[in-house]
Amino acid sequence: MKVLVIGGGGREHIIVKKLKESKRVSNIYAAPGNGGIANDATCVAIKDDAIDELVDFALKHQIDWTIVGPEVPLTKE
Protein backbone atom coordinates (compact mmCIF):
# COMPACT_ATOMS: atom_id res chain seq x y z
CA MET A 1 0.00 0.00 0.00
CA LYS A 2 1.23 3.50 -0.85
CA VAL A 3 0.47 6.16 1.76
CA LEU A 4 0.65 9.95 1.57
CA VAL A 5 0.91 11.79 4.89
CA ILE A 6 0.12 15.47 4.60
CA GLY A 7 1.91 17.78 7.01
CA GLY A 8 5.33 18.21 8.53
CA GLY A 9 4.98 18.43 12.28
CA GLY A 10 5.36 16.12 15.23
CA ARG A 11 1.94 14.55 14.71
CA GLU A 12 2.81 13.60 11.16
CA HIS A 13 6.23 12.35 12.24
CA ILE A 14 4.77 9.80 14.64
CA ILE A 15 2.17 8.75 12.07
CA VAL A 16 4.97 8.05 9.58
CA LYS A 17 6.94 6.13 12.23
CA LYS A 18 3.96 3.89 12.97
CA LEU A 19 3.16 3.37 9.28
CA LYS A 20 6.74 2.27 8.67
CA GLU A 21 6.18 -0.61 11.11
CA SER A 22 3.40 -2.05 8.94
CA LYS A 23 4.24 -4.85 6.52
CA ARG A 24 1.28 -3.72 4.40
CA VAL A 25 2.82 -0.33 3.64
CA SER A 26 5.26 -0.35 0.73
CA ASN A 27 5.83 3.39 0.22
CA ILE A 28 5.33 6.38 2.49
CA TYR A 29 5.36 9.94 1.15
CA ALA A 30 5.11 13.08 3.26
CA ALA A 31 4.11 16.48 1.92
CA PRO A 32 5.95 18.56 2.81
CA GLY A 33 7.48 16.49 5.60
CA ASN A 34 10.60 17.60 7.50
CA GLY A 35 14.16 16.49 8.17
CA GLY A 36 13.14 13.90 10.75
CA ILE A 37 10.34 12.49 8.63
CA ALA A 38 12.80 12.17 5.73
CA ASN A 39 14.49 9.32 7.63
CA ASP A 40 11.33 7.21 7.28
CA ALA A 41 9.47 8.57 4.25
CA THR A 42 10.02 10.27 0.92
CA CYS A 43 9.39 13.98 1.43
CA VAL A 44 7.62 15.81 -1.37
CA ALA A 45 7.99 19.57 -1.82
CA ILE A 46 4.26 20.33 -1.84
CA LYS A 47 2.73 22.63 0.76
CA ASP A 48 0.08 21.02 2.93
CA ASP A 49 -2.59 23.44 1.69
CA ALA A 50 -1.83 23.07 -2.06
CA ILE A 51 -4.84 20.82 -2.60
CA ASP A 52 -4.68 20.59 -6.40
CA GLU A 53 -0.98 19.68 -6.33
CA LEU A 54 -1.58 17.08 -3.64
CA VAL A 55 -4.39 15.50 -5.65
CA ASP A 56 -2.22 15.45 -8.78
CA PHE A 57 0.61 13.80 -6.83
CA ALA A 58 -1.73 11.20 -5.32
CA LEU A 59 -3.17 10.30 -8.71
CA LYS A 60 0.21 10.19 -10.46
CA HIS A 61 1.74 7.95 -7.78
CA GLN A 62 -1.39 5.82 -7.30
CA ILE A 63 -1.64 6.59 -3.59
CA ASP A 64 -3.91 4.13 -1.79
CA TRP A 65 -4.41 6.05 1.42
CA THR A 66 -3.95 9.70 2.42
CA ILE A 67 -3.70 10.90 6.01
CA VAL A 68 -4.13 14.62 6.66
CA GLY A 69 -2.42 15.75 9.85
CA PRO A 70 -2.92 19.53 10.05
CA GLU A 71 -6.35 21.11 10.30
CA VAL A 72 -5.82 23.87 7.69
CA PRO A 73 -5.90 21.61 4.61
CA LEU A 74 -9.14 20.09 5.86
CA THR A 75 -10.80 23.50 5.68
CA LYS A 76 -9.82 24.08 2.03
CA GLU A 77 -12.12 23.28 -0.88
PDB file of N, CA and C in Angstrom:
ATOM      1  N   MET A   1       0.843  -1.171   0.000  1.00  0.00           N
ATOM      2  CA  MET A   1       0.000   0.000   0.000  1.00  0.00           C
ATOM      3  C   MET A   1       0.893   1.241   0.000  1.00  0.00           C
ATOM      4  N   LYS A   2       0.528   2.216  -0.798  1.00  0.00           N
ATOM      5  CA  LYS A   2       1.234   3.500  -0.847  1.00  0.00           C
ATOM      6  C   LYS A   2       0.434   4.522  -0.040  1.00  0.00           C
ATOM      7  N   VAL A   3       1.135   5.221   0.853  1.00  0.00           N
ATOM      8  CA  VAL A   3       0.474   6.162   1.761  1.00  0.00           C
ATOM      9  C   VAL A   3       1.088   7.552   1.601  1.00  0.00           C
ATOM     10  N   LEU A   4       0.229   8.550   1.582  1.00  0.00           N
ATOM     11  CA  LEU A   4       0.649   9.950   1.570  1.00  0.00           C
ATOM     12  C   LEU A   4       0.217  10.583   2.887  1.00  0.00           C
ATOM     13  N   VAL A   5       1.184  11.086   3.637  1.00  0.00           N
ATOM     14  CA  VAL A   5       0.908  11.791   4.890  1.00  0.00           C
ATOM     15  C   VAL A   5       1.096  13.276   4.611  1.00  0.00           C
ATOM     16  N   ILE A   6       0.060  14.035   4.850  1.00  0.00           N
ATOM     17  CA  ILE A   6       0.118  15.473   4.599  1.00  0.00           C
ATOM     18  C   ILE A   6       0.435  16.191   5.896  1.00  0.00           C
ATOM     19  N   GLY A   7       1.485  17.013   5.848  1.00  0.00           N
ATOM     20  CA  GLY A   7       1.914  17.781   7.006  1.00  0.00           C
ATOM     21  C   GLY A   7       3.394  17.571   7.273  1.00  0.00           C
ATOM     22  N   GLY A   8       3.900  18.293   8.246  1.00  0.00           N
ATOM     23  CA  GLY A   8       5.325  18.211   8.528  1.00  0.00           C
ATOM     24  C   GLY A   8       5.667  18.459   9.988  1.00  0.00           C
ATOM     25  N   GLY A   9       4.732  18.191  10.864  1.00  0.00           N
ATOM     26  CA  GLY A   9       4.981  18.432  12.280  1.00  0.00           C
ATOM     27  C   GLY A   9       5.182  17.142  13.054  1.00  0.00           C
ATOM     28  N   GLY A  10       5.163  17.262  14.360  1.00  0.00           N
ATOM     29  CA  GLY A  10       5.360  16.120  15.231  1.00  0.00           C
ATOM     30  C   GLY A  10       4.279  15.066  15.079  1.00  0.00           C
ATOM     31  N   ARG A  11       3.049  15.495  14.895  1.00  0.00           N
ATOM     32  CA  ARG A  11       1.936  14.555  14.709  1.00  0.00           C
ATOM     33  C   ARG A  11       2.178  13.682  13.484  1.00  0.00           C
ATOM     34  N   GLU A  12       2.573  14.329  12.396  1.00  0.00           N
ATOM     35  CA  GLU A  12       2.810  13.596  11.157  1.00  0.00           C
ATOM     36  C   GLU A  12       4.037  12.688  11.284  1.00  0.00           C
ATOM     37  N   HIS A  13       5.022  13.144  12.042  1.00  0.00           N
ATOM     38  CA  HIS A  13       6.234  12.351  12.237  1.00  0.00           C
ATOM     39  C   HIS A  13       5.902  11.017  12.907  1.00  0.00           C
ATOM     40  N   ILE A  14       5.110  11.043  13.948  1.00  0.00           N
ATOM     41  CA  ILE A  14       4.775   9.799  14.643  1.00  0.00           C
ATOM     42  C   ILE A  14       3.870   8.927  13.782  1.00  0.00           C
ATOM     43  N   ILE A  15       2.996   9.530  12.987  1.00  0.00           N
ATOM     44  CA  ILE A  15       2.167   8.747  12.066  1.00  0.00           C
ATOM     45  C   ILE A  15       3.054   7.992  11.079  1.00  0.00           C
ATOM     46  N   VAL A  16       4.042   8.683  10.518  1.00  0.00           N
ATOM     47  CA  VAL A  16       4.970   8.050   9.579  1.00  0.00           C
ATOM     48  C   VAL A  16       5.733   6.921  10.269  1.00  0.00           C
ATOM     49  N   LYS A  17       6.211   7.161  11.483  1.00  0.00           N
ATOM     50  CA  LYS A  17       6.944   6.134  12.234  1.00  0.00           C
ATOM     51  C   LYS A  17       6.103   4.864  12.394  1.00  0.00           C
ATOM     52  N   LYS A  18       4.839   5.039  12.767  1.00  0.00           N
ATOM     53  CA  LYS A  18       3.963   3.891  12.969  1.00  0.00           C
ATOM     54  C   LYS A  18       3.636   3.203  11.642  1.00  0.00           C
ATOM     55  N   LEU A  19       3.429   3.964  10.592  1.00  0.00           N
ATOM     56  CA  LEU A  19       3.164   3.370   9.281  1.00  0.00           C
ATOM     57  C   LEU A  19       4.344   2.526   8.809  1.00  0.00           C
ATOM     58  N   LYS A  20       5.539   2.990   9.095  1.00  0.00           N
ATOM     59  CA  LYS A  20       6.744   2.273   8.672  1.00  0.00           C
ATOM     60  C   LYS A  20       6.814   0.884   9.295  1.00  0.00           C
ATOM     61  N   GLU A  21       6.189   0.688  10.439  1.00  0.00           N
ATOM     62  CA  GLU A  21       6.178  -0.607  11.108  1.00  0.00           C
ATOM     63  C   GLU A  21       5.280  -1.631  10.412  1.00  0.00           C
ATOM     64  N   SER A  22       4.366  -1.162   9.587  1.00  0.00           N
ATOM     65  CA  SER A  22       3.400  -2.046   8.936  1.00  0.00           C
ATOM     66  C   SER A  22       4.006  -2.762   7.736  1.00  0.00           C
ATOM     67  N   LYS A  23       3.794  -4.061   7.669  1.00  0.00           N
ATOM     68  CA  LYS A  23       4.240  -4.846   6.522  1.00  0.00           C
ATOM     69  C   LYS A  23       3.363  -4.590   5.298  1.00  0.00           C
ATOM     70  N   ARG A  24       2.200  -4.019   5.503  1.00  0.00           N
ATOM     71  CA  ARG A  24       1.280  -3.722   4.400  1.00  0.00           C
ATOM     72  C   ARG A  24       1.677  -2.470   3.626  1.00  0.00           C
ATOM     73  N   VAL A  25       2.450  -1.607   4.250  1.00  0.00           N
ATOM     74  CA  VAL A  25       2.819  -0.326   3.641  1.00  0.00           C
ATOM     75  C   VAL A  25       4.125  -0.484   2.877  1.00  0.00           C
ATOM     76  N   SER A  26       4.067  -0.212   1.565  1.00  0.00           N
ATOM     77  CA  SER A  26       5.262  -0.350   0.726  1.00  0.00           C
ATOM     78  C   SER A  26       5.994   0.975   0.529  1.00  0.00           C
ATOM     79  N   ASN A  27       5.241   2.065   0.431  1.00  0.00           N
ATOM     80  CA  ASN A  27       5.827   3.393   0.220  1.00  0.00           C
ATOM     81  C   ASN A  27       5.110   4.403   1.095  1.00  0.00           C
ATOM     82  N   ILE A  28       5.898   5.287   1.705  1.00  0.00           N
ATOM     83  CA  ILE A  28       5.332   6.383   2.491  1.00  0.00           C
ATOM     84  C   ILE A  28       5.893   7.682   1.931  1.00  0.00           C
ATOM     85  N   TYR A  29       4.986   8.599   1.604  1.00  0.00           N
ATOM     86  CA  TYR A  29       5.358   9.938   1.146  1.00  0.00           C
ATOM     87  C   TYR A  29       4.832  10.928   2.164  1.00  0.00           C
ATOM     88  N   ALA A  30       5.550  12.015   2.357  1.00  0.00           N
ATOM     89  CA  ALA A  30       5.110  13.077   3.256  1.00  0.00           C
ATOM     90  C   ALA A  30       5.209  14.410   2.527  1.00  0.00           C
ATOM     91  N   ALA A  31       4.138  15.179   2.579  1.00  0.00           N
ATOM     92  CA  ALA A  31       4.107  16.480   1.918  1.00  0.00           C
ATOM     93  C   ALA A  31       3.738  17.550   2.933  1.00  0.00           C
ATOM     94  N   PRO A  32       4.591  18.467   3.287  1.00  0.00           N
ATOM     95  CA  PRO A  32       5.954  18.563   2.813  1.00  0.00           C
ATOM     96  C   PRO A  32       6.950  17.732   3.610  1.00  0.00           C
ATOM     97  N   GLY A  33       6.541  17.236   4.769  1.00  0.00           N
ATOM     98  CA  GLY A  33       7.481  16.489   5.598  1.00  0.00           C
ATOM     99  C   GLY A  33       8.459  17.417   6.292  1.00  0.00           C
ATOM    100  N   ASN A  34       9.522  16.833   6.864  1.00  0.00           N
ATOM    101  CA  ASN A  34      10.596  17.601   7.505  1.00  0.00           C
ATOM    102  C   ASN A  34      11.837  16.712   7.575  1.00  0.00           C
ATOM    103  N   GLY A  35      12.902  17.231   8.123  1.00  0.00           N
ATOM    104  CA  GLY A  35      14.157  16.486   8.172  1.00  0.00           C
ATOM    105  C   GLY A  35      14.056  15.169   8.913  1.00  0.00           C
ATOM    106  N   GLY A  36      13.310  15.138   9.999  1.00  0.00           N
ATOM    107  CA  GLY A  36      13.143  13.900  10.749  1.00  0.00           C
ATOM    108  C   GLY A  36      12.289  12.893  10.007  1.00  0.00           C
ATOM    109  N   ILE A  37      11.224  13.363   9.408  1.00  0.00           N
ATOM    110  CA  ILE A  37      10.342  12.486   8.635  1.00  0.00           C
ATOM    111  C   ILE A  37      11.096  11.889   7.453  1.00  0.00           C
ATOM    112  N   ALA A  38      12.037  12.633   6.899  1.00  0.00           N
ATOM    113  CA  ALA A  38      12.799  12.173   5.733  1.00  0.00           C
ATOM    114  C   ALA A  38      13.579  10.895   6.016  1.00  0.00           C
ATOM    115  N   ASN A  39      13.814  10.576   7.282  1.00  0.00           N
ATOM    116  CA  ASN A  39      14.489   9.323   7.626  1.00  0.00           C
ATOM    117  C   ASN A  39      13.599   8.107   7.392  1.00  0.00           C
ATOM    118  N   ASP A  40      12.277   8.325   7.370  1.00  0.00           N
ATOM    119  CA  ASP A  40      11.331   7.207   7.275  1.00  0.00           C
ATOM    120  C   ASP A  40      10.386   7.285   6.082  1.00  0.00           C
ATOM    121  N   ALA A  41      10.391   8.392   5.367  1.00  0.00           N
ATOM    122  CA  ALA A  41       9.474   8.575   4.245  1.00  0.00           C
ATOM    123  C   ALA A  41      10.149   9.419   3.167  1.00  0.00           C
ATOM    124  N   THR A  42       9.561   9.405   2.000  1.00  0.00           N
ATOM    125  CA  THR A  42      10.017  10.267   0.916  1.00  0.00           C
ATOM    126  C   THR A  42       9.280  11.589   1.045  1.00  0.00           C
ATOM    127  N   CYS A  43      10.015  12.658   1.306  1.00  0.00           N
ATOM    128  CA  CYS A  43       9.392  13.978   1.432  1.00  0.00           C
ATOM    129  C   CYS A  43       9.176  14.577   0.044  1.00  0.00           C
ATOM    130  N   VAL A  44       8.026  15.221  -0.097  1.00  0.00           N
ATOM    131  CA  VAL A  44       7.621  15.814  -1.366  1.00  0.00           C
ATOM    132  C   VAL A  44       7.437  17.306  -1.146  1.00  0.00           C
ATOM    133  N   ALA A  45       8.033  18.115  -1.987  1.00  0.00           N
ATOM    134  CA  ALA A  45       7.993  19.575  -1.821  1.00  0.00           C
ATOM    135  C   ALA A  45       6.661  20.153  -2.293  1.00  0.00           C
ATOM    136  N   ILE A  46       5.595  19.779  -1.582  1.00  0.00           N
ATOM    137  CA  ILE A  46       4.265  20.330  -1.839  1.00  0.00           C
ATOM    138  C   ILE A  46       3.730  20.826  -0.508  1.00  0.00           C
ATOM    139  N   LYS A  47       3.289  22.077  -0.470  1.00  0.00           N
ATOM    140  CA  LYS A  47       2.733  22.632   0.764  1.00  0.00           C
ATOM    141  C   LYS A  47       1.461  21.881   1.154  1.00  0.00           C
ATOM    142  N   ASP A  48       1.226  21.804   2.446  1.00  0.00           N
ATOM    143  CA  ASP A  48       0.083  21.020   2.926  1.00  0.00           C
ATOM    144  C   ASP A  48      -1.276  21.606   2.563  1.00  0.00           C
ATOM    145  N   ASP A  49      -1.311  22.851   2.102  1.00  0.00           N
ATOM    146  CA  ASP A  49      -2.585  23.441   1.694  1.00  0.00           C
ATOM    147  C   ASP A  49      -2.708  23.598   0.174  1.00  0.00           C
ATOM    148  N   ALA A  50      -1.793  23.021  -0.583  1.00  0.00           N
ATOM    149  CA  ALA A  50      -1.830  23.074  -2.056  1.00  0.00           C
ATOM    150  C   ALA A  50      -2.642  21.870  -2.551  1.00  0.00           C
ATOM    151  N   ILE A  51      -3.946  21.960  -2.376  1.00  0.00           N
ATOM    152  CA  ILE A  51      -4.841  20.823  -2.599  1.00  0.00           C
ATOM    153  C   ILE A  51      -4.727  20.245  -4.006  1.00  0.00           C
ATOM    154  N   ASP A  52      -4.754  21.089  -5.023  1.00  0.00           N
ATOM    155  CA  ASP A  52      -4.682  20.586  -6.403  1.00  0.00           C
ATOM    156  C   ASP A  52      -3.375  19.838  -6.662  1.00  0.00           C
ATOM    157  N   GLU A  53      -2.269  20.352  -6.157  1.00  0.00           N
ATOM    158  CA  GLU A  53      -0.978  19.684  -6.328  1.00  0.00           C
ATOM    159  C   GLU A  53      -0.945  18.350  -5.576  1.00  0.00           C
ATOM    160  N   LEU A  54      -1.541  18.319  -4.405  1.00  0.00           N
ATOM    161  CA  LEU A  54      -1.584  17.077  -3.636  1.00  0.00           C
ATOM    162  C   LEU A  54      -2.418  16.015  -4.345  1.00  0.00           C
ATOM    163  N   VAL A  55      -3.535  16.440  -4.903  1.00  0.00           N
ATOM    164  CA  VAL A  55      -4.390  15.501  -5.650  1.00  0.00           C
ATOM    165  C   VAL A  55      -3.646  14.979  -6.869  1.00  0.00           C
ATOM    166  N   ASP A  56      -2.994  15.867  -7.605  1.00  0.00           N
ATOM    167  CA  ASP A  56      -2.222  15.446  -8.777  1.00  0.00           C
ATOM    168  C   ASP A  56      -1.145  14.435  -8.387  1.00  0.00           C
ATOM    169  N   PHE A  57      -0.435  14.713  -7.293  1.00  0.00           N
ATOM    170  CA  PHE A  57       0.608  13.797  -6.828  1.00  0.00           C
ATOM    171  C   PHE A  57       0.009  12.433  -6.478  1.00  0.00           C
ATOM    172  N   ALA A  58      -1.097  12.448  -5.745  1.00  0.00           N
ATOM    173  CA  ALA A  58      -1.734  11.197  -5.322  1.00  0.00           C
ATOM    174  C   ALA A  58      -2.181  10.371  -6.528  1.00  0.00           C
ATOM    175  N   LEU A  59      -2.736  11.020  -7.517  1.00  0.00           N
ATOM    176  CA  LEU A  59      -3.173  10.301  -8.715  1.00  0.00           C
ATOM    177  C   LEU A  59      -1.985   9.760  -9.496  1.00  0.00           C
ATOM    178  N   LYS A  60      -0.970  10.587  -9.683  1.00  0.00           N
ATOM    179  CA  LYS A  60       0.208  10.193 -10.456  1.00  0.00           C
ATOM    180  C   LYS A  60       0.929   9.010  -9.817  1.00  0.00           C
ATOM    181  N   HIS A  61       1.003   8.995  -8.490  1.00  0.00           N
ATOM    182  CA  HIS A  61       1.742   7.952  -7.780  1.00  0.00           C
ATOM    183  C   HIS A  61       0.837   6.825  -7.274  1.00  0.00           C
ATOM    184  N   GLN A  62      -0.421   6.860  -7.665  1.00  0.00           N
ATOM    185  CA  GLN A  62      -1.394   5.824  -7.296  1.00  0.00           C
ATOM    186  C   GLN A  62      -1.416   5.573  -5.789  1.00  0.00           C
ATOM    187  N   ILE A  63      -1.592   6.653  -5.053  1.00  0.00           N
ATOM    188  CA  ILE A  63      -1.644   6.585  -3.591  1.00  0.00           C
ATOM    189  C   ILE A  63      -2.922   5.855  -3.167  1.00  0.00           C
ATOM    190  N   ASP A  64      -2.773   4.904  -2.265  1.00  0.00           N
ATOM    191  CA  ASP A  64      -3.913   4.128  -1.788  1.00  0.00           C
ATOM    192  C   ASP A  64      -4.623   4.774  -0.604  1.00  0.00           C
ATOM    193  N   TRP A  65      -3.853   5.508   0.181  1.00  0.00           N
ATOM    194  CA  TRP A  65      -4.408   6.053   1.417  1.00  0.00           C
ATOM    195  C   TRP A  65      -3.716   7.373   1.724  1.00  0.00           C
ATOM    196  N   THR A  66      -4.500   8.388   2.056  1.00  0.00           N
ATOM    197  CA  THR A  66      -3.954   9.698   2.422  1.00  0.00           C
ATOM    198  C   THR A  66      -4.385  10.034   3.844  1.00  0.00           C
ATOM    199  N   ILE A  67      -3.427  10.481   4.633  1.00  0.00           N
ATOM    200  CA  ILE A  67      -3.704  10.903   6.006  1.00  0.00           C
ATOM    201  C   ILE A  67      -3.357  12.381   6.109  1.00  0.00           C
ATOM    202  N   VAL A  68      -4.330  13.174   6.515  1.00  0.00           N
ATOM    203  CA  VAL A  68      -4.126  14.618   6.657  1.00  0.00           C
ATOM    204  C   VAL A  68      -3.915  14.922   8.134  1.00  0.00           C
ATOM    205  N   GLY A  69      -2.735  15.443   8.462  1.00  0.00           N
ATOM    206  CA  GLY A  69      -2.415  15.755   9.846  1.00  0.00           C
ATOM    207  C   GLY A  69      -2.922  17.119  10.298  1.00  0.00           C
ATOM    208  N   PRO A  70      -2.517  18.200   9.602  1.00  0.00           N
ATOM    209  CA  PRO A  70      -2.917  19.531  10.048  1.00  0.00           C
ATOM    210  C   PRO A  70      -4.383  19.836   9.725  1.00  0.00           C
ATOM    211  N   GLU A  71      -4.948  20.751  10.484  1.00  0.00           N
ATOM    212  CA  GLU A  71      -6.347  21.111  10.296  1.00  0.00           C
ATOM    213  C   GLU A  71      -6.571  22.014   9.081  1.00  0.00           C
ATOM    214  N   VAL A  72      -5.624  22.879   8.761  1.00  0.00           N
ATOM    215  CA  VAL A  72      -5.821  23.870   7.694  1.00  0.00           C
ATOM    216  C   VAL A  72      -6.195  23.231   6.354  1.00  0.00           C
ATOM    217  N   PRO A  73      -5.499  22.192   5.889  1.00  0.00           N
ATOM    218  CA  PRO A  73      -5.897  21.606   4.610  1.00  0.00           C
ATOM    219  C   PRO A  73      -7.308  21.037   4.613  1.00  0.00           C
ATOM    220  N   LEU A  74      -7.784  20.641   5.773  1.00  0.00           N
ATOM    221  CA  LEU A  74      -9.137  20.087   5.863  1.00  0.00           C
ATOM    222  C   LEU A  74     -10.203  21.157   5.679  1.00  0.00           C
ATOM    223  N   THR A  75      -9.825  22.427   5.842  1.00  0.00           N
ATOM    224  CA  THR A  75     -10.797  23.503   5.683  1.00  0.00           C
ATOM    225  C   THR A  75     -10.840  24.040   4.256  1.00  0.00           C
ATOM    226  N   LYS A  76      -9.898  23.613   3.412  1.00  0.00           N
ATOM    227  CA  LYS A  76      -9.817  24.085   2.028  1.00  0.00           C
ATOM    228  C   LYS A  76     -10.800  23.310   1.155  1.00  0.00           C
ATOM    229  N   GLU A  77     -11.222  23.955   0.080  1.00  0.00           N
ATOM    230  CA  GLU A  77     -12.116  23.279  -0.885  1.00  0.00           C
ATOM    231  C   GLU A  77     -11.388  22.962  -2.138  1.00  0.00           C
TER     232      GLU A  77
END
